[in-house]
Amino acid sequence: MTLEELKQLLEQTGLPVFYRQWTSDDPRYPKFPGPPFLCYLEGSSNHFIADSQVYQKVRSVSVELYTDKKEPELEEQLEALFDAAGLPYQSDEIWIKEEKMQEKIYDMELI
């Protein structure tokens, strides 16, 4: 799956979707939309190496769901999309005190 395909999958939630962060020059959202919204970003690679070369490219990606409070229904909707697309993931969540936002983080690898 490519990053563009992941973006299209995330857009099926109907939530605003951004790569890494919202920026004021985004023509779709000139004003910060506020939560809930999604961000996705590429992290380090974990390529499969064979015979001293990259045999299979594997990119680590994080999808972050930001909400005002814990939103189990949104999490279930997002996880159902991942499951239907065959994307295995691990998740974690944190409360961002300064922003007063809940962040649910889904880590996965795109092949």
C-alpha atoms as a PDB file:
ATOM      1  CA  MET A   1       0.000   0.000   0.000  1.00  0.00           C
ATOM      2  CA  THR A   2       1.271   3.464  -0.854  1.00  0.00           C
ATOM      3  CA  LEU A   3       0.949   6.551   1.314  1.00  0.00           C
ATOM      4  CA  GLU A   4      -1.628   7.939  -1.134  1.00  0.00           C
ATOM      5  CA  GLU A   5      -3.690   4.757  -0.831  1.00  0.00           C
ATOM      6  CA  LEU A   6      -3.468   5.017   2.960  1.00  0.00           C
ATOM      7  CA  LYS A   7      -4.665   8.627   2.758  1.00  0.00           C
ATOM      8  CA  GLN A   8      -7.641   7.554   0.628  1.00  0.00           C
ATOM      9  CA  LEU A   9      -8.450   4.833   3.150  1.00  0.00           C
ATOM     10  CA  LEU A  10      -8.329   7.328   6.036  1.00  0.00           C
ATOM     11  CA  GLU A  11     -10.550   9.777   4.147  1.00  0.00           C
ATOM     12  CA  GLN A  12     -13.302   7.132   4.214  1.00  0.00           C
ATOM     13  CA  THR A  13     -13.825   8.087   7.875  1.00  0.00           C
ATOM     14  CA  GLY A  14     -15.119  11.496   6.803  1.00  0.00           C
ATOM     15  CA  LEU A  15     -12.631  13.163   9.163  1.00  0.00           C
ATOM     16  CA  PRO A  16     -10.060  15.765   8.074  1.00  0.00           C
ATOM     17  CA  VAL A  17      -6.822  13.959   7.131  1.00  0.00           C
ATOM     18  CA  PHE A  18      -3.355  15.559   7.094  1.00  0.00           C
ATOM     19  CA  TYR A  19       0.160  14.369   6.413  1.00  0.00           C
ATOM     20  CA  ARG A  20       2.099  15.004   9.639  1.00  0.00           C
ATOM     21  CA  GLN A  21       0.144  18.116  10.722  1.00  0.00           C
ATOM     22  CA  TRP A  22      -2.423  20.712   9.771  1.00  0.00           C
ATOM     23  CA  THR A  23      -1.027  23.802   8.059  1.00  0.00           C
ATOM     24  CA  SER A  24      -2.820  27.091   7.419  1.00  0.00           C
ATOM     25  CA  ASP A  25      -2.059  26.904   3.682  1.00  0.00           C
ATOM     26  CA  ASP A  26      -4.220  23.774   3.249  1.00  0.00           C
ATOM     27  CA  PRO A  27      -6.949  24.926   0.824  1.00  0.00           C
ATOM     28  CA  ARG A  28      -9.387  22.323   2.171  1.00  0.00           C
ATOM     29  CA  TYR A  29      -9.088  23.614   5.740  1.00  0.00           C
ATOM     30  CA  PRO A  30      -7.830  27.223   5.887  1.00  0.00           C
ATOM     31  CA  LYS A  31      -8.867  27.281   9.560  1.00  0.00           C
ATOM     32  CA  PHE A  32      -7.807  24.608  12.028  1.00  0.00           C
ATOM     33  CA  PRO A  33     -10.691  22.122  11.962  1.00  0.00           C
ATOM     34  CA  GLY A  34     -10.249  21.050  15.582  1.00  0.00           C
ATOM     35  CA  PRO A  35     -10.739  17.496  16.750  1.00  0.00           C
ATOM     36  CA  PRO A  36     -11.574  14.929  15.671  1.00  0.00           C
ATOM     37  CA  PHE A  37      -9.030  14.696  12.866  1.00  0.00           C
ATOM     38  CA  LEU A  38      -6.381  12.283  11.577  1.00  0.00           C
ATOM     39  CA  CYS A  39      -2.687  12.694  10.817  1.00  0.00           C
ATOM     40  CA  TYR A  40      -0.440  10.111   9.211  1.00  0.00           C
ATOM     41  CA  LEU A  41       3.320  10.142   8.820  1.00  0.00           C
ATOM     42  CA  GLU A  42       6.105   7.933   7.628  1.00  0.00           C
ATOM     43  CA  GLY A  43       8.786   6.928  10.100  1.00  0.00           C
ATOM     44  CA  SER A  44      11.830   4.760   9.685  1.00  0.00           C
ATOM     45  CA  SER A  45      12.087   1.915   7.220  1.00  0.00           C
ATOM     46  CA  ASN A  46      12.445  -1.742   8.126  1.00  0.00           C
ATOM     47  CA  HIS A  47      13.399  -3.152   4.722  1.00  0.00           C
ATOM     48  CA  PHE A  48      13.949  -6.863   4.249  1.00  0.00           C
ATOM     49  CA  ILE A  49      17.518  -7.339   3.039  1.00  0.00           C
ATOM     50  CA  ALA A  50      18.681 -10.365   1.058  1.00  0.00           C
ATOM     51  CA  ASP A  51      21.931 -10.921  -0.826  1.00  0.00           C
ATOM     52  CA  SER A  52      23.195  -7.498   0.272  1.00  0.00           C
ATOM     53  CA  GLN A  53      20.307  -5.591  -1.304  1.00  0.00           C
ATOM     54  CA  VAL A  54      16.783  -4.460  -0.474  1.00  0.00           C
ATOM     55  CA  TYR A  55      14.560  -7.407  -1.304  1.00  0.00           C
ATOM     56  CA  GLN A  56      11.292  -5.969   0.045  1.00  0.00           C
ATOM     57  CA  LYS A  57      10.698  -2.330   1.006  1.00  0.00           C
ATOM     58  CA  VAL A  58       8.884  -1.937   4.307  1.00  0.00           C
ATOM     59  CA  ARG A  59       7.939   1.531   5.582  1.00  0.00           C
ATOM     60  CA  SER A  60       6.844   2.225   9.138  1.00  0.00           C
ATOM     61  CA  VAL A  61       3.820   4.524   9.305  1.00  0.00           C
ATOM     62  CA  SER A  62       1.888   6.048  12.181  1.00  0.00           C
ATOM     63  CA  VAL A  63      -1.746   7.100  12.008  1.00  0.00           C
ATOM     64  CA  GLU A  64      -2.822   9.459  14.776  1.00  0.00           C
ATOM     65  CA  LEU A  65      -6.440  10.056  15.769  1.00  0.00           C
ATOM     66  CA  TYR A  66      -6.952  13.289  17.736  1.00  0.00           C
ATOM     67  CA  THR A  67     -10.155  13.800  19.741  1.00  0.00           C
ATOM     68  CA  ASP A  68     -11.412  15.950  22.629  1.00  0.00           C
ATOM     69  CA  LYS A  69     -12.085  12.825  24.685  1.00  0.00           C
ATOM     70  CA  LYS A  70     -11.890   9.063  24.338  1.00  0.00           C
ATOM     71  CA  GLU A  71     -13.993   8.096  21.281  1.00  0.00           C
ATOM     72  CA  PRO A  72     -14.361   4.283  21.159  1.00  0.00           C
ATOM     73  CA  GLU A  73     -16.767   4.430  18.208  1.00  0.00           C
ATOM     74  CA  LEU A  74     -14.294   6.391  16.058  1.00  0.00           C
ATOM     75  CA  GLU A  75     -11.492   4.043  17.074  1.00  0.00           C
ATOM     76  CA  GLU A  76     -13.601   1.026  16.118  1.00  0.00           C
ATOM     77  CA  GLN A  77     -14.483   2.612  12.756  1.00  0.00           C
ATOM     78  CA  LEU A  78     -10.818   3.280  12.013  1.00  0.00           C
ATOM     79  CA  GLU A  79      -9.733  -0.179  13.148  1.00  0.00           C
ATOM     80  CA  ALA A  80     -12.442  -1.777  10.961  1.00  0.00           C
ATOM     81  CA  LEU A  81     -10.974   0.063   7.952  1.00  0.00           C
ATOM     82  CA  PHE A  82      -7.494  -1.209   8.805  1.00  0.00           C
ATOM     83  CA  ASP A  83      -8.796  -4.757   9.265  1.00  0.00           C
ATOM     84  CA  ALA A  84     -10.720  -4.684   5.959  1.00  0.00           C
ATOM     85  CA  ALA A  85      -7.602  -3.429   4.146  1.00  0.00           C
ATOM     86  CA  GLY A  86      -5.458  -6.158   5.724  1.00  0.00           C
ATOM     87  CA  LEU A  87      -3.280  -3.676   7.631  1.00  0.00           C
ATOM     88  CA  PRO A  88      -1.987  -5.126  10.907  1.00  0.00           C
ATOM     89  CA  TYR A  89      -1.330  -2.483  13.548  1.00  0.00           C
ATOM     90  CA  GLN A  90      -0.333  -1.850  17.143  1.00  0.00           C
ATOM     91  CA  SER A  91      -1.888   1.024  19.079  1.00  0.00           C
ATOM     92  CA  ASP A  92      -1.204   3.259  22.021  1.00  0.00           C
ATOM     93  CA  GLU A  93      -2.885   6.344  23.409  1.00  0.00           C
ATOM     94  CA  ILE A  94      -1.919   9.431  25.335  1.00  0.00           C
ATOM     95  CA  TRP A  95      -3.591  12.516  26.789  1.00  0.00           C
ATOM     96  CA  ILE A  96      -1.930  15.724  25.575  1.00  0.00           C
ATOM     97  CA  LYS A  97      -2.429  17.955  28.588  1.00  0.00           C
ATOM     98  CA  GLU A  98      -1.314  21.218  26.933  1.00  0.00           C
ATOM     99  CA  GLU A  99      -3.702  20.742  23.989  1.00  0.00           C
ATOM    100  CA  LYS A 100      -6.465  19.045  26.001  1.00  0.00           C
ATOM    101  CA  MET A 101      -6.647  16.338  23.361  1.00  0.00           C
ATOM    102  CA  GLN A 102      -6.700  12.557  23.338  1.00  0.00           C
ATOM    103  CA  GLU A 103      -4.307  10.973  20.837  1.00  0.00           C
ATOM    104  CA  LYS A 104      -4.692   7.375  19.690  1.00  0.00           C
ATOM    105  CA  ILE A 105      -1.636   6.229  17.740  1.00  0.00           C
ATOM    106  CA  TYR A 106      -1.689   3.308  15.319  1.00  0.00           C
ATOM    107  CA  ASP A 107       1.701   2.003  14.196  1.00  0.00           C
ATOM    108  CA  MET A 108       1.889  -0.210  11.119  1.00  0.00           C
ATOM    109  CA  GLU A 109       4.146  -1.214   8.266  1.00  0.00           C
ATOM    110  CA  LEU A 110       3.326  -0.651   4.613  1.00  0.00           C
ATOM    111  CA  ILE A 111       4.690  -3.152   2.126  1.00  0.00           C
END
